[in-house]
Amino acid sequence: MVELFGEVATLKQIISELREEIARLKGLKGRPDIKPSAMDKATEPSKPADKEKRRGRGRVMPRVSVEEKVIKAEIPPGCHFKGYESFLVQDLVISARATCYQRERWVTPDGRTILAPLPEGIEGHFGPELRRFVLMQYHQGQSTLPRLLVLLRSVGVSISKRQLVRLLNDNHEGFIAEAQDVLRAGLATSSWVTVDDTGARHAGKDGFCTQIGNEWFPWFRTRSSKSRVNFLDLLRAGHTDYVLNDAAYVYMREHSLPAASIALLAAGPQTRFADQATWMAHLDRRGFNALKVTLEPVRVATEGALWGSVQAHEFLCDAVVLSDDAGQFNIGQHALCWVHAERLVHKLDTFNDRHRAAQTRVRGLIWDFYADLEAYQLKPGKRRAQALRTRFDRIFLRRTGFATLDRLLARLHTNKAELLMVLDRPEIPLHTNGSENDIRCYVTRRKVSAGTRSETGRDCRDAFLSLAKTCDKLGIAVWDYFGSRFKVVGHAIIQPLDHYVRARLRPA
C-alpha cells in the first residue's frame, strides 16, 4: 500500500511538470514561481565552517533602581553564615489611581478669585502617566482602540470610548509640529534620503502615505494623491510659498516648458507667492490657462515653483533622493534602488531552457556587480569608478538572444546615471530597504485599524508614527519620550527630536 501511494505521488508530480511544459510551449503562463530577491544574500561573504561558540546574554541590568530584600532561612543549630546569594526578579505593577485635588479658592478684597494651580503635567481629568501609556500602547504597541479600552477598564480606569479617542487625537498640535521639525532638520542636513509610498485609507476614500527618511529619522504623511506636485509639496515641510528662482527655472527647462512660457514668468517683478491661491492667480494673469500646447504648462510651472520653494528654504540642496523608480520621486539628484532594478530581471517570464539560462547568467552578473559596488563604497577611487562604468555598459548592453530580456536590459541602461550615482556619492545606500522597513509600521497600523476618519486623527497617526520611529532610530525609549513631553514626575529630559537629528546628520 505504501509503495502504491509513492507511485501515485510520483505520477502526480510528472503530470504537473508535463502540464507546465505544455503551457510554456503554447505560450501560456504557468504557475508563478516568484521568490524573494537574493541580491543581498548573494553578495554577503560566506560564513566560516567552524561556528564560534555562542555568547551568553550577559548580565541583566534593569533600567530602574533595584530594591534589596533579605530573606531569612530556617537553619538548624551550629550553622555558619556565608553571606548572601543574589536572585534578581523584575516585575511590573499596573494599577489605577484616582486623585481628587482640593484646590484652595480665595477672594481678594477687590473681588478677584484666586484658585490654586494644578500640579505640573495635569491637563484634563486624566493624568500624564495614563496619557503616555495610551499613546505608547496605541502607536508603538499597535493596539486597537477596543482592546485598549478593555485593558484600561480591566485595571480600574473609568473611561468611555469617546474619551479614549480624545486622548488619542485632541490637543496634540505640539507633537504634530515636532514631527514637522524633524522633517525640516532631516531635509536641511541630510546628504541623502530614501522615499517610498503605500496605500492608505482616509475618510472612506483611497489615498497614499508617503515616507521620507534615512538612518536617523522617518516621516510619514497621508494624502489623497501621490503625484509629483504632492511630493514637492511635502518636501516644503509645512511651508506654503511658491518661489521663482534659478532652481525653479532650471527645473522648468529640464521638463521642456517652452522658453516663451518661462520668459512670461521671469518678466514679472514678483518672485515669491504666499500660497496656492496667489500662485494660481499669477499664472492666470500671465495667460498660462489659455496656452494651447501639448505639455501642461500650469503643472510644470507649478512643479518648478514648488522646487524653487524647497531650494529657497535650503532643503535637499546637495542631497540625493533614492527611490524605487516611481516617477513622482524623480527630483533633483536622483538615484535608483538596485534591488528593485534586479527584481525586474528576476520576475521576468521565461519560456524555454535557453531563456532561463540567459536570465540566470544576467542575474549572476548583476549580483557580482552589486558586490563590487559595495566594495567601492568602502574604498572609492576615480579609476575604479571608471572601470565600473565600463563594466555596467558591458552588462546592460549585451545581447542574450532573449528579446524580452534584451529590451529590459536596454531600458535599465537608460537609468545608468541614477543607478551609478553611488560612484559619485559613495555614502548613499544601494537600495531602499530602509524605507521598506520604516513604512512597515504604517502598513501594520493600516491592517490593525484600517483607515482614519477625521483630518485630526490622520495627522496624529502620521505624527506619532514618525516620532516613535525616530525615537527608535535615535536610541531613545518612547516611554521616556512621552514621559518628558507630559512632564511625568521624575521623567527623563528629552530635548526636541530635531536637535538630535541635526546633531547626527550635521557633517563633522
Protein backbone atom coordinates (compact mmCIF):
# COMPACT_ATOMS: atom_id res chain seq x y z
CA MET A 1 0.00 0.00 0.00
CA VAL A 2 2.82 2.41 0.87
CA GLU A 3 4.50 1.68 -2.47
CA LEU A 4 1.25 2.47 -4.33
CA PHE A 5 0.92 5.81 -2.57
CA GLY A 6 4.50 6.62 -3.50
CA GLU A 7 3.92 5.76 -7.16
CA VAL A 8 0.75 7.88 -7.24
CA ALA A 9 2.62 10.87 -5.78
CA THR A 10 5.40 10.43 -8.37
CA LEU A 11 2.89 10.26 -11.24
CA LYS A 12 1.13 13.40 -9.98
CA GLN A 13 4.44 15.25 -9.96
CA ILE A 14 5.24 14.10 -13.52
CA ILE A 15 1.77 15.14 -14.76
CA SER A 16 2.16 18.56 -13.14
CA GLU A 17 5.56 19.09 -14.80
CA LEU A 18 4.20 18.00 -18.19
CA ARG A 19 1.29 20.41 -17.91
CA GLU A 20 3.65 23.27 -17.14
CA GLU A 21 5.85 22.35 -20.11
CA ILE A 22 2.82 22.22 -22.44
CA ALA A 23 1.72 25.64 -21.17
CA ARG A 24 5.17 27.07 -21.87
CA LEU A 25 5.21 25.61 -25.41
CA LYS A 26 1.78 27.12 -26.10
CA GLY A 27 2.95 30.49 -24.83
CA LEU A 28 0.65 30.36 -21.81
CA LYS A 29 1.58 31.38 -18.31
CA GLY A 30 2.02 28.54 -15.86
CA ARG A 31 2.07 28.72 -12.11
CA PRO A 32 4.05 31.76 -10.94
CA ASP A 33 7.34 30.92 -9.27
CA ILE A 34 8.21 34.24 -7.65
CA LYS A 35 10.88 34.11 -4.98
CA PRO A 36 12.28 36.95 -2.92
CA SER A 37 15.31 38.68 -4.35
CA ALA A 38 18.55 37.13 -3.10
CA MET A 39 20.79 40.01 -4.17
CA ASP A 40 21.96 40.99 -0.70
CA LYS A 41 22.37 37.36 0.40
CA ALA A 42 24.33 36.56 -2.74
CA THR A 43 26.80 39.36 -2.04
CA GLU A 44 27.36 38.55 1.62
CA PRO A 45 30.66 36.86 2.43
CA SER A 46 30.39 33.16 3.16
CA LYS A 47 30.36 32.22 6.82
CA PRO A 48 33.22 30.13 8.18
CA ALA A 49 32.59 26.44 8.53
CA ASP A 50 33.52 26.30 12.19
CA LYS A 51 30.89 28.23 14.09
CA GLU A 52 32.07 30.24 17.03
CA LYS A 53 30.77 29.41 20.44
CA ARG A 54 27.56 31.29 21.09
CA ARG A 55 27.99 34.08 23.60
CA GLY A 56 25.75 34.27 26.62
CA ARG A 57 23.22 37.01 27.08
CA GLY A 58 25.35 38.74 29.70
CA ARG A 59 24.34 40.25 32.98
CA VAL A 60 20.79 41.56 33.29
CA MET A 61 20.83 45.28 34.14
CA PRO A 62 17.39 46.70 34.99
CA ARG A 63 16.64 50.27 33.90
CA VAL A 64 15.09 51.03 37.30
CA SER A 65 16.52 51.15 40.82
CA VAL A 66 16.83 47.76 42.48
CA GLU A 67 15.24 47.25 45.89
CA GLU A 68 17.07 44.76 48.08
CA LYS A 69 15.21 42.41 50.40
CA VAL A 70 16.81 39.91 52.76
CA ILE A 71 15.13 36.51 53.02
CA LYS A 72 15.72 34.63 56.24
CA ALA A 73 16.42 30.92 56.14
CA GLU A 74 15.34 28.31 58.71
CA ILE A 75 18.60 26.74 59.88
CA PRO A 76 19.49 24.05 62.41
CA PRO A 77 21.82 24.87 65.34
CA GLY A 78 25.57 25.07 64.69
CA CYS A 79 25.43 26.57 61.15
CA HIS A 80 27.92 29.21 59.92
CA PHE A 81 26.77 32.30 57.97
CA LYS A 82 28.38 32.51 54.48
CA GLY A 83 26.82 35.69 53.09
CA TYR A 84 24.02 36.04 50.53
CA GLU A 85 23.18 34.61 47.13
CA SER A 86 21.57 37.18 44.83
CA PHE A 87 18.47 36.37 42.80
CA LEU A 88 17.15 39.27 40.67
CA VAL A 89 13.41 39.43 39.92
CA GLN A 90 11.85 42.08 37.67
CA ASP A 91 8.14 42.76 37.98
CA LEU A 92 5.56 45.19 36.66
CA VAL A 93 2.81 46.87 38.68
CA ILE A 94 -0.17 48.17 36.71
CA SER A 95 -2.87 49.80 38.79
CA ALA A 96 -5.32 52.66 38.52
CA ARG A 97 -5.05 55.60 40.87
CA ALA A 98 -7.53 58.45 41.28
CA THR A 99 -6.65 61.72 43.00
CA CYS A 100 -9.14 64.41 43.93
CA TYR A 101 -7.29 67.70 44.20
CA GLN A 102 -8.86 70.10 46.70
CA ARG A 103 -7.82 73.42 45.20
CA GLU A 104 -7.89 76.38 47.58
CA ARG A 105 -10.02 79.22 46.38
CA TRP A 106 -9.61 82.74 47.69
CA VAL A 107 -11.36 86.03 47.00
CA THR A 108 -9.28 89.20 47.15
CA PRO A 109 -10.60 92.45 48.65
CA ASP A 110 -11.16 93.81 45.14
CA GLY A 111 -13.32 90.81 44.20
CA ARG A 112 -10.85 88.73 42.19
CA THR A 113 -10.83 84.93 42.66
CA ILE A 114 -7.52 83.13 43.19
CA LEU A 115 -7.53 79.39 42.53
CA ALA A 116 -4.61 77.16 43.47
CA PRO A 117 -2.97 75.78 40.28
CA LEU A 118 -2.91 72.08 39.47
CA PRO A 119 0.42 70.23 39.67
CA GLU A 120 2.65 70.36 36.59
CA GLY A 121 1.64 67.89 33.90
CA ILE A 122 -2.05 67.75 34.84
CA GLU A 123 -4.19 68.65 31.83
CA GLY A 124 -7.78 67.47 31.91
CA HIS A 125 -9.18 64.66 34.00
CA PHE A 126 -6.63 62.01 33.00
CA GLY A 127 -3.10 62.12 34.39
CA PRO A 128 0.18 62.16 32.46
CA GLU A 129 1.03 58.52 33.23
CA LEU A 130 -2.27 57.38 31.74
CA ARG A 131 -1.88 59.61 28.69
CA ARG A 132 1.60 58.35 27.83
CA PHE A 133 0.50 54.74 28.41
CA VAL A 134 -2.42 55.19 25.99
CA LEU A 135 -0.28 56.79 23.26
CA MET A 136 2.51 54.24 23.56
CA GLN A 137 0.17 51.24 23.51
CA TYR A 138 -1.76 52.54 20.54
CA HIS A 139 1.02 53.86 18.31
CA GLN A 140 4.09 51.81 19.21
CA GLY A 141 2.30 48.76 20.60
CA GLN A 142 -0.09 48.80 17.60
CA SER A 143 -3.07 48.01 19.81
CA THR A 144 -6.62 48.51 18.61
CA LEU A 145 -8.88 51.05 20.27
CA PRO A 146 -11.43 48.45 21.55
CA ARG A 147 -8.70 46.29 23.09
CA LEU A 148 -7.03 49.30 24.68
CA LEU A 149 -10.40 50.34 26.11
CA VAL A 150 -10.92 46.87 27.60
CA LEU A 151 -7.41 46.91 29.10
CA LEU A 152 -7.91 50.27 30.79
CA ARG A 153 -11.27 49.31 32.20
CA SER A 154 -9.95 45.96 33.45
CA VAL A 155 -7.34 47.71 35.63
CA GLY A 156 -9.95 50.06 37.09
CA VAL A 157 -9.90 53.16 34.88
CA SER A 158 -13.35 54.65 34.32
CA ILE A 159 -13.19 55.83 30.71
CA SER A 160 -15.50 55.83 27.70
CA LYS A 161 -14.66 55.17 24.08
CA ARG A 162 -15.21 58.84 23.22
CA GLN A 163 -12.82 59.92 25.98
CA LEU A 164 -10.20 57.47 24.74
CA VAL A 165 -10.49 58.84 21.20
CA ARG A 166 -9.98 62.34 22.58
CA LEU A 167 -6.83 61.22 24.39
CA LEU A 168 -5.50 59.93 21.07
CA ASN A 169 -6.47 62.88 18.89
CA ASP A 170 -7.09 66.08 20.86
CA ASN A 171 -4.57 68.77 21.83
CA HIS A 172 -1.58 67.18 20.09
CA GLU A 173 -0.57 70.15 17.95
CA GLY A 174 2.80 70.18 19.71
CA PHE A 175 3.56 66.61 18.60
CA ILE A 176 2.48 67.36 15.02
CA ALA A 177 4.73 70.43 14.98
CA GLU A 178 7.65 68.43 16.40
CA ALA A 179 7.26 65.80 13.67
CA GLN A 180 7.34 68.63 11.12
CA ASP A 181 10.51 70.00 12.72
CA VAL A 182 12.11 66.55 12.46
CA LEU A 183 11.43 66.55 8.72
CA ARG A 184 12.88 70.02 8.32
CA ALA A 185 16.01 69.04 10.22
CA GLY A 186 16.43 65.93 8.11
CA LEU A 187 15.93 67.70 4.79
CA ALA A 188 18.26 70.54 5.77
CA THR A 189 21.19 68.41 7.00
CA SER A 190 20.96 65.02 5.24
CA SER A 191 23.23 64.07 2.37
CA TRP A 192 20.61 61.56 1.17
CA VAL A 193 17.05 60.44 1.84
CA THR A 194 15.09 57.39 0.74
CA VAL A 195 11.43 57.68 -0.20
CA ASP A 196 8.53 55.30 -0.67
CA ASP A 197 4.73 55.23 -0.52
CA THR A 198 1.94 52.80 0.28
CA GLY A 199 -1.82 52.74 0.08
CA ALA A 200 -3.81 54.47 2.80
CA ARG A 201 -7.49 54.81 3.59
CA HIS A 202 -8.92 58.08 4.85
CA ALA A 203 -12.50 59.36 5.14
CA GLY A 204 -13.77 56.34 3.24
CA LYS A 205 -11.55 57.02 0.21
CA ASP A 206 -8.33 55.50 -1.06
CA GLY A 207 -5.21 57.59 -0.58
CA PHE A 208 -1.46 57.24 -0.20
CA CYS A 209 1.04 57.56 2.63
CA THR A 210 4.46 58.92 1.61
CA GLN A 211 7.58 58.12 3.62
CA ILE A 212 10.70 60.31 3.66
CA GLY A 213 13.70 59.43 5.82
CA ASN A 214 17.13 57.93 6.29
CA GLU A 215 19.05 56.08 9.01
CA TRP A 216 18.23 58.70 11.68
CA PHE A 217 14.65 59.75 11.02
CA PRO A 218 11.47 58.76 9.15
CA TRP A 219 8.48 60.94 8.38
CA PHE A 220 5.01 59.94 7.17
CA ARG A 221 2.25 61.94 5.54
CA THR A 222 -1.10 60.72 4.18
CA ARG A 223 -2.64 62.49 1.19
CA SER A 224 -5.26 61.69 -1.44
CA SER A 225 -2.68 61.89 -4.25
CA LYS A 226 0.84 60.66 -4.91
CA SER A 227 1.63 62.98 -7.81
CA ARG A 228 4.90 64.88 -8.18
CA VAL A 229 3.13 68.08 -7.15
CA ASN A 230 2.11 66.35 -3.92
CA PHE A 231 5.66 65.08 -3.31
CA LEU A 232 7.16 68.52 -3.88
CA ASP A 233 4.57 70.00 -1.55
CA LEU A 234 5.65 67.52 1.15
CA LEU A 235 9.30 68.47 0.61
CA ARG A 236 8.43 72.04 1.57
CA ALA A 237 7.93 70.68 5.12
CA GLY A 238 4.94 72.81 6.01
CA HIS A 239 5.84 75.98 4.10
CA THR A 240 3.15 77.20 1.72
CA ASP A 241 5.02 79.60 -0.56
CA TYR A 242 5.85 79.27 -4.28
CA VAL A 243 9.19 80.70 -5.39
CA LEU A 244 10.55 81.63 -8.80
CA ASN A 245 14.34 81.41 -8.64
CA ASP A 246 17.19 79.83 -10.58
CA ALA A 247 16.30 76.34 -9.34
CA ALA A 248 12.71 76.79 -10.49
CA TYR A 249 13.72 77.95 -13.99
CA VAL A 250 16.24 75.11 -14.35
CA TYR A 251 13.52 72.62 -13.43
CA MET A 252 11.14 74.11 -16.00
CA ARG A 253 13.75 73.95 -18.77
CA GLU A 254 14.67 70.34 -17.89
CA HIS A 255 10.99 69.40 -18.14
CA SER A 256 10.57 71.03 -21.56
CA LEU A 257 8.47 74.03 -20.62
CA PRO A 258 8.63 76.36 -23.67
CA ALA A 259 11.11 79.22 -23.41
CA ALA A 260 8.33 81.71 -24.14
CA SER A 261 6.38 80.48 -21.10
CA ILE A 262 9.44 80.73 -18.88
CA ALA A 263 10.01 84.26 -20.16
CA LEU A 264 6.44 85.17 -19.19
CA LEU A 265 7.13 84.09 -15.61
CA ALA A 266 10.55 85.75 -15.44
CA ALA A 267 9.23 89.06 -16.77
CA GLY A 268 7.16 89.84 -13.67
CA PRO A 269 8.66 91.62 -10.66
CA GLN A 270 7.14 89.24 -8.11
CA THR A 271 9.12 86.06 -7.39
CA ARG A 272 7.56 84.74 -4.17
CA PHE A 273 3.89 83.89 -3.71
CA ALA A 274 2.37 83.23 -0.29
CA ASP A 275 0.04 80.35 -1.09
CA GLN A 276 -1.61 78.32 -3.83
CA ALA A 277 -4.39 80.84 -4.47
CA THR A 278 -1.90 83.66 -5.01
CA TRP A 279 0.23 81.50 -7.30
CA MET A 280 -2.70 80.33 -9.45
CA ALA A 281 -3.92 83.92 -9.76
CA HIS A 282 -0.45 84.90 -11.01
CA LEU A 283 -0.49 82.11 -13.62
CA ASP A 284 -3.92 83.24 -14.76
CA ARG A 285 -2.72 86.83 -15.17
CA ARG A 286 0.22 85.56 -17.22
CA GLY A 287 -2.18 83.69 -19.51
CA PHE A 288 -1.00 80.17 -18.69
CA ASN A 289 -4.52 78.78 -18.57
CA ALA A 290 -5.09 79.95 -22.15
CA LEU A 291 -1.95 78.30 -23.60
CA LYS A 292 -2.77 75.62 -26.19
CA VAL A 293 0.23 73.28 -26.12
CA THR A 294 0.63 69.55 -25.69
CA LEU A 295 2.59 69.98 -22.46
CA GLU A 296 0.67 71.02 -19.37
CA PRO A 297 2.29 74.41 -18.70
CA VAL A 298 0.41 75.05 -15.45
CA ARG A 299 1.54 71.74 -13.95
CA VAL A 300 5.19 72.10 -14.98
CA ALA A 301 5.32 75.72 -13.85
CA THR A 302 3.75 74.77 -10.51
CA GLU A 303 6.25 71.95 -10.02
CA GLY A 304 9.09 74.34 -10.80
CA ALA A 305 7.84 76.93 -8.31
CA LEU A 306 7.45 74.23 -5.66
CA TRP A 307 11.01 73.02 -6.29
CA GLY A 308 12.14 76.63 -6.08
CA SER A 309 10.47 76.88 -2.67
CA VAL A 310 12.20 73.69 -1.50
CA GLN A 311 15.58 75.09 -2.51
CA ALA A 312 14.79 78.54 -1.10
CA HIS A 313 14.25 77.01 2.33
CA GLU A 314 17.60 75.16 1.95
CA PHE A 315 16.08 71.70 1.83
CA LEU A 316 17.82 68.96 -0.21
CA CYS A 317 20.35 71.48 -1.51
CA ASP A 318 23.00 68.82 -2.15
CA ALA A 319 21.12 65.71 -1.07
CA VAL A 320 20.35 62.62 -3.16
CA VAL A 321 16.79 61.28 -3.34
CA LEU A 322 16.86 57.47 -3.54
CA SER A 323 13.68 55.77 -4.78
CA ASP A 324 12.29 52.61 -6.38
CA ASP A 325 11.88 54.35 -9.78
CA ALA A 326 8.38 55.72 -9.11
CA GLY A 327 8.08 58.76 -11.40
CA GLN A 328 6.93 61.26 -8.78
CA PHE A 329 10.18 60.86 -6.82
CA ASN A 330 12.47 61.82 -9.72
CA ILE A 331 13.54 65.16 -8.24
CA GLY A 332 16.93 66.88 -8.09
CA GLN A 333 19.84 64.47 -7.67
CA HIS A 334 18.02 61.18 -8.06
CA ALA A 335 19.33 57.65 -7.51
CA LEU A 336 17.66 54.28 -8.06
CA CYS A 337 17.41 51.17 -5.91
CA TRP A 338 19.42 48.23 -7.23
CA VAL A 339 17.18 45.67 -5.53
CA HIS A 340 14.14 46.92 -7.44
CA ALA A 341 16.12 47.00 -10.68
CA GLU A 342 17.32 43.41 -10.26
CA ARG A 343 13.81 42.32 -9.28
CA LEU A 344 12.61 43.17 -12.79
CA VAL A 345 15.08 40.65 -14.22
CA HIS A 346 14.24 38.13 -11.51
CA LYS A 347 10.47 38.24 -12.18
CA LEU A 348 10.80 38.06 -15.97
CA ASP A 349 8.76 35.22 -17.50
CA THR A 350 10.88 32.66 -19.34
CA PHE A 351 9.64 30.15 -21.93
CA ASN A 352 12.43 27.62 -22.50
CA ASP A 353 15.76 26.44 -21.15
CA ARG A 354 17.73 28.95 -23.26
CA HIS A 355 15.73 31.83 -21.82
CA ARG A 356 16.15 30.57 -18.27
CA ALA A 357 19.90 30.13 -18.77
CA ALA A 358 20.20 33.70 -20.10
CA GLN A 359 18.21 35.05 -17.17
CA THR A 360 20.35 33.18 -14.65
CA ARG A 361 23.54 34.39 -16.34
CA VAL A 362 22.46 38.04 -16.29
CA ARG A 363 21.34 37.87 -12.67
CA GLY A 364 24.70 36.43 -11.71
CA LEU A 365 26.48 39.29 -13.47
CA ILE A 366 24.28 41.84 -11.69
CA TRP A 367 24.94 40.25 -8.30
CA ASP A 368 28.69 40.31 -8.89
CA PHE A 369 28.50 43.93 -9.99
CA TYR A 370 26.43 44.80 -6.91
CA ALA A 371 29.06 43.21 -4.66
CA ASP A 372 31.78 45.28 -6.32
CA LEU A 373 29.71 48.45 -5.79
CA GLU A 374 29.56 47.61 -2.09
CA ALA A 375 33.34 47.18 -2.08
CA TYR A 376 33.73 50.50 -3.91
CA GLN A 377 31.76 52.27 -1.17
CA LEU A 378 34.42 51.20 1.33
CA LYS A 379 37.32 52.36 -0.84
CA PRO A 380 36.23 54.72 -3.65
CA GLY A 381 38.55 55.94 -6.40
CA LYS A 382 38.37 57.51 -9.87
CA ARG A 383 39.99 54.59 -11.70
CA ARG A 384 37.70 52.07 -10.01
CA ALA A 385 34.68 54.24 -10.81
CA GLN A 386 35.57 54.39 -14.50
CA ALA A 387 36.12 50.63 -14.59
CA LEU A 388 32.70 50.05 -13.02
CA ARG A 389 31.01 52.36 -15.54
CA THR A 390 32.59 50.44 -18.42
CA ARG A 391 31.54 47.15 -16.86
CA PHE A 392 27.98 48.44 -16.42
CA ASP A 393 27.80 49.04 -20.18
CA ARG A 394 29.01 45.52 -20.92
CA ILE A 395 26.33 44.01 -18.69
CA PHE A 396 23.33 46.07 -19.78
CA LEU A 397 24.16 46.44 -23.50
CA ARG A 398 24.74 42.73 -24.08
CA ARG A 399 22.61 40.65 -26.44
CA THR A 400 21.40 37.41 -24.88
CA GLY A 401 19.11 36.17 -27.66
CA PHE A 402 16.12 36.53 -25.31
CA ALA A 403 14.34 39.52 -26.81
CA THR A 404 12.30 40.45 -23.74
CA LEU A 405 15.38 40.33 -21.51
CA ASP A 406 17.39 42.39 -24.02
CA ARG A 407 14.72 45.10 -24.06
CA LEU A 408 14.65 45.15 -20.26
CA LEU A 409 18.44 45.47 -20.05
CA ALA A 410 18.37 48.31 -22.56
CA ARG A 411 15.71 50.10 -20.52
CA LEU A 412 17.78 49.68 -17.35
CA HIS A 413 20.80 51.04 -19.20
CA THR A 414 18.96 54.31 -19.81
CA ASN A 415 18.97 54.70 -16.00
CA LYS A 416 22.76 54.41 -15.85
CA ALA A 417 23.34 57.79 -14.22
CA GLU A 418 20.80 57.09 -11.47
CA LEU A 419 21.93 53.50 -10.83
CA LEU A 420 25.58 54.58 -10.68
CA MET A 421 25.02 57.69 -8.55
CA VAL A 422 26.89 55.81 -5.81
CA LEU A 423 30.13 56.21 -7.77
CA ASP A 424 29.95 59.98 -7.23
CA ARG A 425 28.28 59.76 -3.81
CA PRO A 426 29.65 56.65 -2.05
CA GLU A 427 27.80 57.49 1.16
CA ILE A 428 24.34 56.74 -0.26
CA PRO A 429 22.87 53.23 0.08
CA LEU A 430 22.36 50.95 -2.90
CA HIS A 431 18.77 50.11 -2.03
CA THR A 432 15.62 51.45 -0.40
CA ASN A 433 15.36 48.75 2.25
CA GLY A 434 15.35 51.47 4.91
CA SER A 435 12.15 52.95 3.51
CA GLU A 436 10.60 49.48 3.21
CA ASN A 437 11.35 48.83 6.88
CA ASP A 438 10.15 52.26 8.01
CA ILE A 439 6.84 52.11 6.19
CA ARG A 440 6.10 48.65 7.57
CA CYS A 441 4.86 50.17 10.83
CA TYR A 442 2.31 52.20 8.87
CA VAL A 443 1.21 49.10 6.95
CA THR A 444 0.77 47.25 10.27
CA ARG A 445 -1.30 50.15 11.65
CA ARG A 446 -3.43 50.07 8.49
CA LYS A 447 -4.06 46.34 8.85
CA VAL A 448 -4.90 46.64 12.53
CA SER A 449 -7.16 49.70 12.43
CA ALA A 450 -7.98 50.23 8.73
CA GLY A 451 -8.26 53.93 7.83
CA THR A 452 -8.83 57.22 9.61
CA ARG A 453 -11.98 59.34 9.68
CA SER A 454 -11.06 62.88 10.68
CA GLU A 455 -8.19 65.03 9.48
CA THR A 456 -7.05 65.38 13.10
CA GLY A 457 -6.92 61.60 13.51
CA ARG A 458 -4.98 61.26 10.26
CA ASP A 459 -2.45 63.94 11.23
CA CYS A 460 -1.98 62.45 14.72
CA ARG A 461 -1.43 58.95 13.36
CA ASP A 462 1.20 60.19 10.89
CA ALA A 463 2.93 62.36 13.51
CA PHE A 464 3.07 59.77 16.30
CA LEU A 465 4.30 57.01 13.97
CA SER A 466 7.01 59.40 12.74
CA LEU A 467 8.06 60.36 16.26
CA ALA A 468 8.00 56.81 17.64
CA LYS A 469 10.11 55.50 14.75
CA THR A 470 12.52 58.43 15.07
CA CYS A 471 12.96 57.65 18.77
CA ASP A 472 13.80 54.04 17.90
CA LYS A 473 16.45 55.15 15.41
CA LEU A 474 17.97 57.65 17.83
CA GLY A 475 18.08 55.11 20.67
CA ILE A 476 15.51 56.97 22.79
CA ALA A 477 12.87 54.97 24.65
CA VAL A 478 9.41 56.04 23.51
CA TRP A 479 8.22 55.65 27.11
CA ASP A 480 10.81 58.20 28.25
CA TYR A 481 9.94 60.50 25.34
CA PHE A 482 6.25 60.64 26.24
CA GLY A 483 7.14 60.97 29.92
CA SER A 484 9.24 64.02 29.14
CA ARG A 485 6.55 65.63 26.99
CA PHE A 486 3.79 65.05 29.56
CA LYS A 487 6.06 66.06 32.47
CA VAL A 488 5.62 62.85 34.42
CA VAL A 489 7.13 63.01 37.92
CA GLY A 490 10.80 62.01 37.74
CA HIS A 491 10.83 61.98 33.94
CA ALA A 492 13.99 61.95 31.83
CA ILE A 493 14.87 65.14 29.96
CA ILE A 494 14.37 64.58 26.23
CA GLN A 495 15.19 67.55 24.01
CA PRO A 496 13.15 68.22 20.84
CA LEU A 497 13.93 65.36 18.47
CA ASP A 498 15.02 67.66 15.65
CA HIS A 499 18.02 68.67 17.81
CA TYR A 500 19.21 65.06 17.91
CA VAL A 501 18.61 64.62 14.16
CA ARG A 502 20.64 67.73 13.34
CA ALA A 503 23.44 66.57 15.64
CA ARG A 504 23.59 63.15 13.96
CA LEU A 505 23.37 64.41 10.38
CA ARG A 506 25.48 67.55 10.59
CA PRO A 507 28.84 66.91 8.84
CA ALA A 508 31.89 66.91 11.10
